[in-house]
Amino acid sequence: MRAIFSILGLLVVIAIIGLLAKKQLGAVSELSTKPQNGPQVSVPTNTPGATAQQQSQQIQQQIKQSVEASMQQVRPVPDEK
């Protein structure tokens, strides 16, 4: 009798986990199919003839600006179903 309740409890837990996983995967696939607006990450451009230190600083500045711009975007909040 105890084994039957253990197996039934395990099946209930697996069913709940399956439903939660399905819900999460549906939300992730829904977000990935929506087109993103705003600035996209681009490869930094270098100035020809610049020293390695200048190029490094320029790349760091461009990446910093790109990250700051992406942090300013409003993130869409998925609706609860």
Protein backbone atom coordinates (compact mmCIF):
# COMPACT_ATOMS: atom_id res chain seq x y z
CA MET A 1 0.00 0.00 0.00
CA ARG A 2 2.82 2.33 0.90
CA ALA A 3 4.56 1.61 -2.42
CA ILE A 4 1.41 2.48 -4.37
CA PHE A 5 1.15 5.88 -2.68
CA SER A 6 4.86 6.50 -3.33
CA ILE A 7 4.47 5.73 -7.02
CA LEU A 8 1.31 7.86 -7.31
CA GLY A 9 3.05 10.75 -5.54
CA LEU A 10 6.02 10.45 -7.88
CA LEU A 11 3.74 10.50 -10.93
CA VAL A 12 1.96 13.62 -9.63
CA VAL A 13 5.29 15.37 -9.11
CA ILE A 14 6.47 14.41 -12.60
CA ALA A 15 3.20 15.69 -14.11
CA ILE A 16 3.57 19.04 -12.31
CA ILE A 17 7.19 19.41 -13.44
CA GLY A 18 6.15 18.57 -17.00
CA LEU A 19 3.45 21.24 -17.00
CA LEU A 20 5.83 23.86 -15.60
CA ALA A 21 8.51 22.97 -18.15
CA LYS A 22 5.98 23.19 -20.99
CA LYS A 23 4.85 26.61 -19.78
CA GLN A 24 8.43 27.90 -19.51
CA LEU A 25 9.47 26.56 -22.90
CA GLY A 26 6.39 28.14 -24.47
CA ALA A 27 7.32 31.52 -23.00
CA VAL A 28 10.94 31.22 -24.17
CA SER A 29 9.98 30.24 -27.72
CA GLU A 30 7.42 33.06 -27.81
CA LEU A 31 10.10 35.61 -26.88
CA SER A 32 12.64 34.24 -29.34
CA THR A 33 10.23 34.51 -32.30
CA LYS A 34 9.50 38.20 -31.69
CA PRO A 35 11.76 40.58 -33.65
CA GLN A 36 13.97 42.74 -31.50
CA ASN A 37 13.96 46.48 -31.97
CA GLY A 38 16.73 48.82 -31.02
CA PRO A 39 20.47 48.75 -31.38
CA GLN A 40 22.05 45.46 -32.23
CA VAL A 41 25.51 44.35 -31.16
CA SER A 42 28.02 45.15 -33.86
CA VAL A 43 31.67 44.47 -34.35
CA PRO A 44 33.74 47.47 -33.27
CA THR A 45 35.63 49.25 -36.02
CA ASN A 46 39.27 50.22 -35.67
CA THR A 47 41.09 53.28 -36.90
CA PRO A 48 43.83 52.29 -39.35
CA GLY A 49 47.30 53.32 -38.25
CA ALA A 50 46.40 53.52 -34.56
CA THR A 51 48.59 51.88 -31.95
CA ALA A 52 47.49 48.71 -30.20
CA GLN A 53 46.71 50.64 -27.02
CA GLN A 54 44.55 53.16 -28.91
CA GLN A 55 42.72 50.38 -30.70
CA SER A 56 42.13 48.58 -27.40
CA GLN A 57 40.76 51.74 -25.78
CA GLN A 58 38.53 52.42 -28.78
CA ILE A 59 37.11 48.90 -28.72
CA GLN A 60 36.52 49.13 -24.96
CA GLN A 61 34.70 52.45 -25.40
CA GLN A 62 32.52 51.09 -28.20
CA ILE A 63 31.60 48.01 -26.17
CA LYS A 64 30.81 50.18 -23.15
CA GLN A 65 28.53 52.38 -25.25
CA SER A 66 26.83 49.33 -26.75
CA VAL A 67 26.19 47.81 -23.30
CA GLU A 68 24.88 51.11 -21.93
CA ALA A 69 22.53 51.49 -24.91
CA SER A 70 21.19 47.97 -24.47
CA MET A 71 20.67 48.55 -20.73
CA GLN A 72 18.49 51.57 -21.53
CA GLN A 73 16.03 49.49 -23.56
CA VAL A 74 12.75 48.56 -21.93
CA ARG A 75 12.46 44.81 -21.53
CA PRO A 76 9.03 43.41 -22.51
CA VAL A 77 7.19 41.69 -19.69
CA PRO A 78 5.35 38.53 -20.79
CA ASP A 79 1.67 38.40 -19.90
CA GLU A 80 0.60 35.79 -17.38
CA LYS A 81 -1.81 33.27 -18.87
